[in-house]
Protein backbone atom coordinates (compact mmCIF):
# COMPACT_ATOMS: atom_id res chain seq x y z
CA MET A 1 -39.33 -2.11 31.81
CA ASN A 2 -42.29 -4.45 31.60
CA LEU A 3 -45.34 -4.00 29.42
CA SER A 4 -47.73 -3.38 32.32
CA SER A 5 -46.02 -0.07 33.09
CA VAL A 6 -46.45 1.26 29.53
CA SER A 7 -49.81 2.61 28.44
CA THR A 8 -51.44 2.65 25.00
CA PRO A 9 -49.82 5.16 22.61
CA ASP A 10 -51.70 8.40 21.93
CA ALA A 11 -50.32 8.51 18.38
CA GLN A 12 -48.28 6.40 15.97
CA LEU A 13 -45.66 7.36 13.40
CA ASP A 14 -44.44 4.89 10.75
CA LEU A 15 -40.94 5.96 9.67
CA ARG A 16 -39.84 2.70 8.09
CA GLY A 17 -37.83 3.54 4.97
CA THR A 18 -37.08 7.07 6.23
CA PRO A 19 -33.34 7.87 6.39
CA CYS A 20 -31.44 9.59 9.20
CA PRO A 21 -31.67 12.39 10.24
CA ILE A 22 -35.11 12.89 8.64
CA ASN A 23 -36.67 10.23 10.89
CA PHE A 24 -35.45 12.07 14.02
CA VAL A 25 -36.71 15.42 12.70
CA ARG A 26 -40.16 13.99 11.87
CA THR A 27 -40.38 12.31 15.28
CA LYS A 28 -39.43 15.52 17.08
CA LEU A 29 -41.92 17.60 15.06
CA ARG A 30 -44.71 15.12 15.87
CA LEU A 31 -43.82 15.13 19.57
CA GLU A 32 -43.89 18.95 19.63
CA LYS A 33 -47.54 18.84 18.45
CA MET A 34 -48.55 16.43 21.22
CA SER A 35 -49.69 17.26 24.75
CA PRO A 36 -47.34 16.91 27.74
CA GLY A 37 -47.36 13.33 29.00
CA ASP A 38 -48.62 11.87 25.70
CA LEU A 39 -47.04 8.68 24.37
CA LEU A 40 -45.89 8.33 20.75
CA GLU A 41 -45.14 5.00 19.08
CA VAL A 42 -42.53 5.28 16.31
CA TRP A 43 -41.65 2.49 13.88
CA LEU A 44 -37.99 2.57 12.81
CA ASP A 45 -35.79 0.45 10.56
CA PRO A 46 -32.93 -1.62 11.98
CA GLY A 47 -29.39 -0.26 11.71
CA GLU A 48 -28.67 3.46 11.84
CA PRO A 49 -32.27 4.60 12.59
CA ILE A 50 -32.69 2.49 15.75
CA GLU A 51 -29.08 3.21 16.77
CA GLN A 52 -29.35 7.00 16.39
CA VAL A 53 -32.96 8.13 16.95
CA PRO A 54 -33.45 6.95 20.58
CA ASP A 55 -30.20 8.61 21.72
CA SER A 56 -31.05 11.81 19.84
CA LEU A 57 -34.52 11.93 21.42
CA THR A 58 -33.08 11.40 24.89
CA MET A 59 -30.58 14.22 24.33
CA ALA A 60 -33.48 16.44 23.18
CA GLY A 61 -35.26 15.85 26.51
CA TYR A 62 -37.74 13.13 25.57
CA GLN A 63 -38.18 9.94 27.58
CA VAL A 64 -37.78 6.71 25.59
CA GLU A 65 -39.91 4.26 27.56
CA GLN A 66 -39.58 1.10 25.50
CA ILE A 67 -37.86 -0.32 22.41
CA THR A 68 -39.36 -3.50 20.94
CA ASP A 69 -37.73 -5.61 18.23
CA CYS A 70 -40.60 -6.51 15.89
CA SER A 71 -38.31 -8.61 13.64
CA GLU A 72 -38.45 -6.43 10.48
CA TYR A 73 -38.57 -3.09 12.31
CA PHE A 74 -38.36 -1.60 15.81
CA SER A 75 -41.19 -0.03 17.80
CA LEU A 76 -40.11 2.89 19.97
CA LEU A 77 -42.36 4.37 22.69
CA VAL A 78 -41.52 7.99 23.50
CA ARG A 79 -43.16 10.12 26.20
CA CYS A 80 -43.57 13.90 25.85
CA PRO A 81 -42.06 15.67 28.84
CA ALA A 82 -44.24 17.74 31.19
CA ALA A 83 -42.69 20.89 29.65
CA ASN A 84 -41.83 20.63 25.95
CA LYS A 85 -39.55 23.62 25.77
């Protein structure tokens, strides 16, 4: 996916230093408060967080649009589905 197809995030969540599965839970809770179609940017640590959270979000019905390696952390763009439940 190229950058031109991804819009500016509606919200941002910095979860660097947050262990699994707390980072997934916090991401999911934040997404549940957002409007359908909104885009959330999540910052995650390398290792287990970036390996686990995107897959868990996909299984929960969220669309992971982009993962960017920012050297010291990863930026994850997640889209709220049209129907959250």
